[in-house]
N, C-alpha and C. Protein backbone atom coordinates (compact mmCIF):
# COMPACT_ATOMS: atom_id res chain seq x y z
N MET A 1 111.09 101.47 107.57
CA MET A 1 112.44 100.97 108.51
C MET A 1 113.44 101.75 108.29
N THR A 2 114.68 102.12 108.71
CA THR A 2 115.72 101.80 108.36
C THR A 2 116.60 101.27 109.03
N LYS A 3 118.15 101.31 108.69
CA LYS A 3 119.12 99.94 108.94
C LYS A 3 119.28 99.95 110.49
N LYS A 4 119.30 101.03 111.05
CA LYS A 4 119.32 101.31 112.59
C LYS A 4 118.28 100.87 113.11
N GLU A 5 117.13 100.93 112.33
CA GLU A 5 115.53 100.25 113.85
C GLU A 5 115.79 98.25 113.25
N ILE A 6 116.01 98.15 112.21
CA ILE A 6 116.95 96.91 111.88
C ILE A 6 117.74 95.97 112.81
N VAL A 7 118.55 97.18 113.23
CA VAL A 7 119.74 96.58 113.80
C VAL A 7 119.27 96.59 115.30
N LYS A 8 118.41 96.99 115.49
CA LYS A 8 118.19 97.35 117.22
C LYS A 8 117.00 95.86 117.67
N GLN A 9 116.13 95.99 116.45
CA GLN A 9 114.97 94.85 116.30
C GLN A 9 115.40 93.39 116.48
N ILE A 10 116.80 93.26 115.29
CA ILE A 10 117.59 91.93 115.33
C ILE A 10 118.65 92.16 117.08
N SER A 11 119.08 93.07 117.19
CA SER A 11 120.12 93.16 118.13
C SER A 11 118.80 92.74 119.55
N ASP A 12 117.73 92.87 120.01
CA ASP A 12 116.86 92.84 120.84
C ASP A 12 116.27 91.80 120.97
N GLU A 13 116.41 90.69 119.42
CA GLU A 13 115.83 89.51 119.77
C GLU A 13 116.68 88.28 119.91
N MET A 14 117.73 88.65 119.42
CA MET A 14 118.95 87.78 119.79
C MET A 14 119.65 87.77 121.24
N GLY A 15 119.90 89.01 121.20
CA GLY A 15 120.46 89.29 122.70
C GLY A 15 122.24 89.29 122.32
N GLU A 16 122.53 90.07 121.48
CA GLU A 16 123.36 90.64 120.83
C GLU A 16 123.69 91.92 120.94
N THR A 17 125.05 92.29 121.02
CA THR A 17 124.91 93.84 120.58
C THR A 17 124.52 94.84 119.51
N GLN A 18 123.90 95.50 119.93
CA GLN A 18 123.52 96.50 118.77
C GLN A 18 125.26 96.67 117.85
N LEU A 19 126.31 96.88 118.20
CA LEU A 19 127.79 96.98 117.54
C LEU A 19 127.74 95.40 116.45
N LYS A 20 127.63 94.29 117.60
CA LYS A 20 128.10 93.30 116.49
C LYS A 20 127.28 93.01 115.75
N VAL A 21 125.17 93.22 115.53
CA VAL A 21 124.44 92.90 114.65
C VAL A 21 124.80 94.24 113.29
N LYS A 22 125.33 95.39 113.92
CA LYS A 22 124.98 96.73 113.10
C LYS A 22 126.25 95.52 111.68
N ASP A 23 127.50 95.63 112.75
CA ASP A 23 128.25 94.93 112.00
C ASP A 23 128.03 93.87 110.19
N ILE A 24 127.12 92.66 111.27
CA ILE A 24 126.60 91.69 110.48
C ILE A 24 125.57 92.40 109.39
N VAL A 25 124.82 93.13 109.22
CA VAL A 25 123.84 93.37 108.99
C VAL A 25 124.71 94.32 107.88
N GLN A 26 125.48 94.85 108.11
CA GLN A 26 126.67 95.61 107.01
C GLN A 26 127.10 94.84 105.90
N LYS A 27 127.94 93.80 106.90
CA LYS A 27 128.91 93.21 105.93
C LYS A 27 127.72 92.15 104.98
N THR A 28 126.42 91.74 105.45
CA THR A 28 125.01 91.10 104.22
C THR A 28 125.04 92.58 103.03
N PHE A 29 124.88 93.67 103.54
CA PHE A 29 124.34 94.77 102.53
C PHE A 29 126.01 94.88 101.39
N ASP A 30 126.25 94.94 102.22
CA ASP A 30 128.10 94.94 101.47
C ASP A 30 128.33 94.01 100.46
N ALA A 31 127.93 92.19 100.88
CA ALA A 31 128.04 91.43 99.82
C ALA A 31 126.45 90.97 99.10
N ILE A 32 125.66 91.74 99.41
CA ILE A 32 124.68 92.00 98.02
C ILE A 32 124.89 92.95 96.86
N ILE A 33 126.17 93.74 97.64
CA ILE A 33 126.52 95.16 96.25
C ILE A 33 127.27 94.09 96.00
N LYS A 34 128.23 93.66 96.16
CA LYS A 34 129.72 92.96 95.64
C LYS A 34 129.39 91.84 94.53
N THR A 35 128.32 91.36 95.16
CA THR A 35 127.85 90.38 93.87
C THR A 35 127.14 90.69 92.94
N LEU A 36 126.35 92.15 92.97
CA LEU A 36 125.87 92.72 92.25
C LEU A 36 126.87 92.94 90.89
N VAL A 37 127.87 93.51 91.59
CA VAL A 37 128.72 94.12 90.77
C VAL A 37 130.02 93.40 90.47
N GLU A 38 129.99 92.54 91.02
CA GLU A 38 131.81 92.00 90.57
C GLU A 38 131.24 90.02 89.98
N ASP A 39 130.15 89.83 90.23
CA ASP A 39 129.79 88.27 89.88
C ASP A 39 129.33 88.23 88.38
N SER A 40 129.55 87.57 87.69
CA SER A 40 129.25 87.41 85.66
C SER A 40 127.93 87.60 85.54
N GLU A 41 127.15 87.32 86.48
CA GLU A 41 125.58 87.45 86.21
C GLU A 41 124.84 88.59 86.84
N HIS A 42 125.29 88.98 87.40
CA HIS A 42 125.00 89.95 88.14
C HIS A 42 123.66 90.12 88.59
N ARG A 43 123.91 88.70 89.45
CA ARG A 43 122.45 88.37 89.76
C ARG A 43 122.74 88.26 91.20
N ILE A 44 121.93 87.97 92.65
CA ILE A 44 121.78 87.30 93.58
C ILE A 44 120.16 86.83 94.18
N GLU A 45 119.92 85.43 94.46
CA GLU A 45 119.35 85.51 94.58
C GLU A 45 118.82 84.70 95.97
N LEU A 46 118.12 85.05 96.80
CA LEU A 46 117.38 84.72 98.27
C LEU A 46 116.48 83.97 98.21
N ARG A 47 116.39 83.11 98.66
CA ARG A 47 115.45 82.05 98.88
C ARG A 47 114.46 82.84 99.60
N ASN A 48 113.10 82.91 99.28
CA ASN A 48 111.84 83.18 99.96
C ASN A 48 112.06 84.24 100.40
N PHE A 49 112.85 85.38 99.54
CA PHE A 49 113.13 86.60 99.39
C PHE A 49 112.92 87.24 98.20
N GLY A 50 114.03 87.21 97.75
CA GLY A 50 113.62 87.66 96.02
C GLY A 50 114.99 87.94 95.90
N VAL A 51 115.34 88.09 94.27
CA VAL A 51 116.23 88.15 92.90
C VAL A 51 116.60 89.47 92.90
N PHE A 52 117.88 90.14 93.20
CA PHE A 52 118.64 91.04 93.02
C PHE A 52 118.90 90.83 91.34
N GLU A 53 118.84 91.94 90.59
CA GLU A 53 119.45 91.84 89.26
C GLU A 53 119.80 92.63 88.95
N VAL A 54 121.14 92.90 88.01
CA VAL A 54 121.81 94.37 87.36
C VAL A 54 121.37 94.46 86.40
N LYS A 55 120.36 94.84 85.03
CA LYS A 55 120.23 95.11 84.07
C LYS A 55 120.19 96.21 83.22
N LYS A 56 121.00 96.09 82.56
CA LYS A 56 121.36 97.25 81.38
C LYS A 56 120.46 98.02 80.58
N ARG A 57 119.66 99.33 80.87
CA ARG A 57 118.19 99.83 79.82
C ARG A 57 118.58 100.74 79.16
N ALA A 58 118.20 100.16 78.00
CA ALA A 58 118.75 100.39 76.23
C ALA A 58 118.07 101.92 76.39
N ALA A 59 119.26 102.86 75.61
CA ALA A 59 119.38 104.44 75.25
C ALA A 59 117.54 104.34 74.84
N ARG A 60 117.40 105.60 74.81
CA ARG A 60 115.76 105.90 74.33
C ARG A 60 115.94 108.20 74.28
N LYS A 61 114.30 108.11 73.71
CA LYS A 61 114.08 109.27 73.58
C LYS A 61 113.20 109.28 75.01
N ALA A 62 113.12 111.02 75.08
CA ALA A 62 112.40 111.33 75.86
C ALA A 62 112.16 112.54 76.31
N ARG A 63 111.03 113.13 76.88
CA ARG A 63 110.94 114.10 76.82
C ARG A 63 110.79 115.11 77.80
N ASN A 64 111.28 115.99 77.73
CA ASN A 64 111.84 117.03 79.00
C ASN A 64 110.48 117.36 78.98
N PRO A 65 109.93 117.17 80.75
CA PRO A 65 108.49 117.77 80.74
C PRO A 65 108.43 118.91 81.68
N ARG A 66 109.62 119.79 81.73
CA ARG A 66 109.46 121.34 81.35
C ARG A 66 109.06 122.36 80.57
N THR A 67 109.70 122.00 78.75
CA THR A 67 110.01 122.60 77.82
C THR A 67 109.41 121.82 76.76
N GLY A 68 109.27 120.57 77.37
CA GLY A 68 108.55 119.17 76.22
C GLY A 68 109.61 119.25 75.14
N ASP A 69 110.38 119.65 75.04
CA ASP A 69 111.99 119.14 74.23
C ASP A 69 112.51 117.73 74.41
N GLN A 70 112.28 117.30 73.41
CA GLN A 70 112.78 115.72 73.04
C GLN A 70 114.62 115.63 73.18
N VAL A 71 114.40 114.59 74.20
CA VAL A 71 116.22 114.42 74.72
C VAL A 71 116.63 113.37 74.57
N PHE A 72 117.84 113.34 74.36
CA PHE A 72 118.17 111.70 74.26
C PHE A 72 118.88 111.41 75.52
N VAL A 73 118.17 110.23 75.72
CA VAL A 73 118.58 109.58 77.20
C VAL A 73 119.29 108.14 76.96
N GLY A 74 121.14 107.94 77.79
CA GLY A 74 121.95 106.92 77.70
C GLY A 74 121.41 105.62 78.21
N SER A 75 121.98 104.61 77.72
CA SER A 75 121.85 104.06 78.43
C SER A 75 122.61 103.46 79.79
N LYS A 76 121.82 102.78 80.50
CA LYS A 76 122.44 102.65 82.07
C LYS A 76 122.23 101.25 82.54
N PHE A 77 122.98 100.69 83.47
CA PHE A 77 122.92 99.84 84.43
C PHE A 77 121.77 100.07 85.85
N VAL A 78 121.10 98.98 85.57
CA VAL A 78 119.69 99.42 86.73
C VAL A 78 119.53 98.10 87.81
N VAL A 79 119.44 98.39 88.66
CA VAL A 79 118.98 97.41 89.68
C VAL A 79 118.23 97.03 89.89
N THR A 80 117.23 95.55 89.34
CA THR A 80 116.09 95.38 89.94
C THR A 80 115.27 94.54 91.04
N PHE A 81 114.67 94.38 91.22
CA PHE A 81 113.96 93.43 92.41
C PHE A 81 113.15 92.93 91.70
N LYS A 82 112.79 91.25 92.17
CA LYS A 82 111.47 90.93 92.26
C LYS A 82 111.37 89.81 93.19
N PRO A 83 110.36 90.03 94.25
CA PRO A 83 110.36 89.60 95.06
C PRO A 83 109.56 88.31 95.11
N GLY A 84 110.44 87.40 95.93
CA GLY A 84 110.43 85.77 96.20
C GLY A 84 108.46 85.67 96.65
N LYS A 85 108.32 84.00 96.52
CA LYS A 85 107.28 83.35 96.61
C LYS A 85 106.49 84.11 98.25
N GLU A 86 107.46 83.83 98.91
CA GLU A 86 107.26 84.64 100.69
C GLU A 86 106.67 85.48 100.50
N MET A 87 107.70 86.64 100.00
CA MET A 87 107.32 88.11 100.30
C MET A 87 105.66 88.28 99.10
N GLU A 88 105.80 87.78 98.49
CA GLU A 88 104.56 88.22 97.79
C GLU A 88 103.32 87.66 98.19
N GLU A 89 103.12 86.25 99.10
CA GLU A 89 102.16 86.13 99.56
C GLU A 89 102.20 86.96 100.93
N LYS A 90 103.34 87.50 102.01
CA LYS A 90 102.75 88.31 102.70
C LYS A 90 102.44 89.69 101.92
N VAL A 91 102.86 89.91 101.05
CA VAL A 91 102.26 91.45 100.80
C VAL A 91 100.92 90.87 99.97
N ARG A 92 100.34 89.99 99.59
CA ARG A 92 98.69 89.15 99.00
C ARG A 92 98.34 89.48 100.26
N GLU A 93 98.47 88.99 101.71
CA GLU A 93 98.08 89.28 102.74
C GLU A 93 97.36 90.33 103.32
N LEU A 94 98.15 91.25 103.20
CA LEU A 94 98.04 92.53 103.72
C LEU A 94 97.24 93.41 102.58
N GLU A 95 97.13 92.46 101.31
CA GLU A 95 96.60 93.20 100.21
C GLU A 95 94.79 93.28 100.83
N ARG A 96 94.67 91.85 101.30
CA ARG A 96 93.34 91.39 101.65
C ARG A 96 93.14 92.06 102.89
N ALA A 97 94.07 92.12 103.98
CA ALA A 97 93.20 92.48 105.09
C ALA A 97 93.23 94.12 104.65
N GLU A 98 93.98 95.15 104.21
CA GLU A 98 93.49 96.57 103.91
C GLU A 98 92.02 96.01 103.27
N ASP A 99 91.60 95.22 102.24
CA ASP A 99 90.52 95.57 101.15
C ASP A 99 89.51 94.76 102.34
N GLU A 100 89.71 94.01 103.06
CA GLU A 100 88.55 94.09 104.06
C GLU A 100 88.28 94.71 105.03
N ARG A 101 89.20 95.56 105.39
CA ARG A 101 88.91 97.08 106.07
C ARG A 101 87.96 97.73 105.23
N VAL A 102 88.93 98.12 104.49
CA VAL A 102 88.01 99.13 103.56
C VAL A 102 86.84 98.46 103.29
N MET A 103 86.02 97.15 103.07
CA MET A 103 84.71 96.89 103.04
C MET A 103 84.20 96.84 104.37
N ARG A 104 84.50 97.04 105.39
CA ARG A 104 83.88 96.94 106.83
C ARG A 104 83.77 98.51 106.99
N THR A 105 84.14 99.80 106.14
CA THR A 105 83.73 101.37 106.44
C THR A 105 82.62 101.25 106.01
N PRO A 106 81.40 102.35 106.66
CA PRO A 106 80.18 102.59 106.02
C PRO A 106 79.86 103.27 104.66
N ALA A 107 80.86 103.46 103.83
CA ALA A 107 81.00 103.83 102.40
C ALA A 107 80.70 102.47 101.40
N PHE A 108 81.29 101.13 102.24
CA PHE A 108 80.84 100.63 101.04
C PHE A 108 80.08 99.33 101.73
N ALA A 109 79.44 99.82 103.17
CA ALA A 109 78.42 98.98 103.79
C ALA A 109 77.37 97.96 102.90
N GLY A 110 77.63 96.63 102.78
CA GLY A 110 77.08 95.85 101.88
C GLY A 110 77.30 96.05 100.61
N HIS A 111 78.34 96.12 99.88
CA HIS A 111 78.49 96.67 98.61
C HIS A 111 79.16 95.83 98.40
N THR A 112 78.76 95.03 96.72
CA THR A 112 79.22 93.14 96.82
C THR A 112 80.40 93.38 95.60
N ALA A 113 80.93 94.14 95.26
CA ALA A 113 81.86 94.34 94.44
C ALA A 113 83.72 94.77 95.35
N GLU A 114 84.64 93.96 94.68
CA GLU A 114 86.09 93.97 94.93
C GLU A 114 86.64 95.75 95.23
N PRO A 115 86.95 95.94 96.24
CA PRO A 115 87.10 97.88 96.41
C PRO A 115 88.00 98.47 95.65
N THR A 116 88.92 97.55 95.20
CA THR A 116 89.84 97.79 94.40
C THR A 116 89.37 98.21 92.72
N SER A 117 87.97 97.40 92.61
CA SER A 117 87.58 97.56 91.06
C SER A 117 86.77 98.58 91.15
N PHE A 118 86.99 99.84 91.60
CA PHE A 118 85.97 100.68 92.02
C PHE A 118 86.66 101.83 91.15
N THR A 119 86.44 102.57 90.41
CA THR A 119 86.47 103.44 89.15
C THR A 119 86.27 104.77 89.60
N ASN A 120 86.94 105.93 89.80
CA ASN A 120 85.81 107.42 89.85
C ASN A 120 85.04 108.09 89.06
N HIS A 121 84.10 107.45 89.14
CA HIS A 121 82.63 107.91 88.93
C HIS A 121 82.41 109.08 88.56
N ALA A 122 82.37 110.03 87.37
CA ALA A 122 81.88 111.54 87.22
C ALA A 122 80.71 111.67 87.09
N PRO A 123 79.73 112.63 87.46
CA PRO A 123 78.62 112.51 86.93
C PRO A 123 78.30 112.71 85.38
N ALA A 124 77.27 112.75 85.01
CA ALA A 124 76.87 112.32 83.68
C ALA A 124 76.30 113.59 83.20
N ILE A 125 77.17 114.78 82.16
CA ILE A 125 76.78 115.90 82.06
C ILE A 125 76.21 116.31 80.59
N SER A 126 75.58 116.35 80.03
CA SER A 126 74.91 116.89 78.95
C SER A 126 75.86 118.41 78.66
N HIS A 127 76.25 118.20 77.49
CA HIS A 127 77.01 119.48 76.86
C HIS A 127 76.28 120.14 75.76
N THR A 128 74.89 120.54 75.57
CA THR A 128 74.50 120.99 74.47
C THR A 128 74.59 122.61 75.14
N PRO A 129 74.59 123.29 73.90
CA PRO A 129 74.55 124.48 73.77
C PRO A 129 73.27 125.09 74.20
N SER A 130 73.08 125.22 74.84
CA SER A 130 71.48 125.74 75.52
C SER A 130 71.77 126.86 77.00
N THR A 131 71.97 128.15 77.35
CA THR A 131 71.88 128.05 78.56
C THR A 131 70.72 128.20 79.59
N ASN A 132 69.30 127.87 79.13
CA ASN A 132 68.35 127.47 80.16
C ASN A 132 68.26 126.21 80.67
N HIS A 133 69.54 125.93 82.29
CA HIS A 133 69.17 124.62 82.28
C HIS A 133 68.35 125.15 83.76
N VAL A 134 68.00 123.47 84.19
CA VAL A 134 67.02 123.44 85.45
C VAL A 134 67.83 122.09 85.98
N PRO A 135 67.80 121.70 87.06
CA PRO A 135 68.60 120.86 87.97
C PRO A 135 67.74 119.33 87.80
N ALA A 136 68.60 118.51 87.58
CA ALA A 136 67.90 117.30 87.19
C ALA A 136 67.46 116.75 88.11
N THR A 137 66.09 115.93 88.10
CA THR A 137 65.29 115.46 88.55
C THR A 137 65.45 113.89 89.11
N GLU A 138 66.53 113.53 88.50
CA GLU A 138 67.10 111.98 88.80
C GLU A 138 68.34 112.35 89.00
N PRO A 139 68.65 111.51 90.16
CA PRO A 139 70.38 111.67 90.48
C PRO A 139 71.11 111.47 89.12
N ALA A 140 72.39 111.74 88.71
CA ALA A 140 73.57 111.10 87.73
C ALA A 140 73.51 109.86 88.25
N HIS A 141 74.30 109.28 87.41
CA HIS A 141 74.97 107.48 87.74
C HIS A 141 75.81 107.88 89.13
N SER A 142 75.48 106.43 89.76
CA SER A 142 76.44 106.46 91.20
C SER A 142 76.96 105.05 91.60
N PRO A 143 77.80 105.17 91.89
CA PRO A 143 78.45 103.71 92.22
C PRO A 143 77.35 103.21 93.17
N TYR A 144 76.68 103.56 93.92
CA TYR A 144 75.68 103.07 94.94
C TYR A 144 74.74 102.69 94.23
N GLU A 145 73.98 103.28 92.73
CA GLU A 145 73.04 102.17 92.01
C GLU A 145 73.37 101.04 92.04
N GLY A 146 71.77 100.06 92.21
CA GLY A 146 71.71 98.82 92.55
C GLY A 146 72.00 97.99 93.16
N ASN A 147 72.27 98.48 94.12
CA ASN A 147 72.96 97.86 95.35
C ASN A 147 71.97 97.92 96.93
N GLY A 148 70.85 98.26 96.39
CA GLY A 148 70.08 99.29 97.29
C GLY A 148 70.20 100.05 98.68
N SER A 149 71.48 100.94 98.47
CA SER A 149 72.06 102.05 99.39
C SER A 149 71.41 103.13 99.00
N SER A 150 71.02 103.55 99.88
CA SER A 150 70.52 104.57 100.45
C SER A 150 71.38 106.20 100.50
N ALA A 151 72.52 105.79 100.18
CA ALA A 151 73.76 107.21 100.43
C ALA A 151 72.72 107.90 99.14
N PRO A 152 73.14 109.39 100.17
CA PRO A 152 72.78 110.26 99.18
C PRO A 152 73.95 110.91 97.90
N VAL A 153 73.55 110.80 96.90
CA VAL A 153 74.27 111.94 95.50
C VAL A 153 74.04 113.28 95.44
N THR A 154 75.72 114.04 95.86
CA THR A 154 75.10 114.88 95.27
C THR A 154 76.40 115.23 94.19
N SER A 155 75.57 115.71 93.09
CA SER A 155 76.19 115.99 91.41
C SER A 155 76.00 117.10 91.26
N ASN A 156 76.43 117.44 90.39
CA ASN A 156 76.30 119.28 89.69
C ASN A 156 75.48 118.83 88.13
N SER A 157 75.20 117.59 88.12
CA SER A 157 74.69 117.15 86.98
C SER A 157 73.17 117.37 86.50
N TYR A 158 72.59 118.32 85.24
CA TYR A 158 71.70 118.88 85.05
C TYR A 158 71.35 118.48 83.80
N VAL A 159 69.88 118.62 83.03
CA VAL A 159 69.04 118.15 82.77
C VAL A 159 69.01 119.50 81.27
N PRO A 160 69.16 119.54 80.22
CA PRO A 160 69.33 121.44 79.54
C PRO A 160 67.38 121.22 78.82
N SER A 161 66.99 122.47 79.35
CA SER A 161 65.60 122.64 79.01
C SER A 161 65.11 122.45 77.49
N ALA A 162 63.69 122.09 77.51
CA ALA A 162 63.16 121.75 76.38
C ALA A 162 62.68 122.59 75.57
N SER A 163 63.36 123.61 75.69
CA SER A 163 63.40 125.34 74.65
C SER A 163 64.04 125.13 73.48
């Protein structure tokens, strides 16, 4: 959502002109910035919304991802935001709704684990020095094992020959 969309939404809800609402929204943002920069604590707490705070990030050594060379990164000030309780709860509700939606998809039907706890299960592969391999008669470990699901297992797993 953009500032323009916020202004339009507030304007429609309050019956005020967009020009007046835009001025109020901009003054609010300006006040937040001014407080962060000029206030001795460099902090602004908005109840039920969150806390903006300026913190100093220490100097550190880092690596250039392109060359791998070590570089020095100087200290700098950064703005942090910690959401308030109300915002945290609303986000948790969003997460629960998403989890419920995922659990209703056919891939998770009847599954008992939380969808956020799944990991990417790679097929088990034996790397013995044999060139004479036959396809596995048993499927590789699958996240569907043990839950009664008859989902087909497609894997490239193999078992080394007994030669």
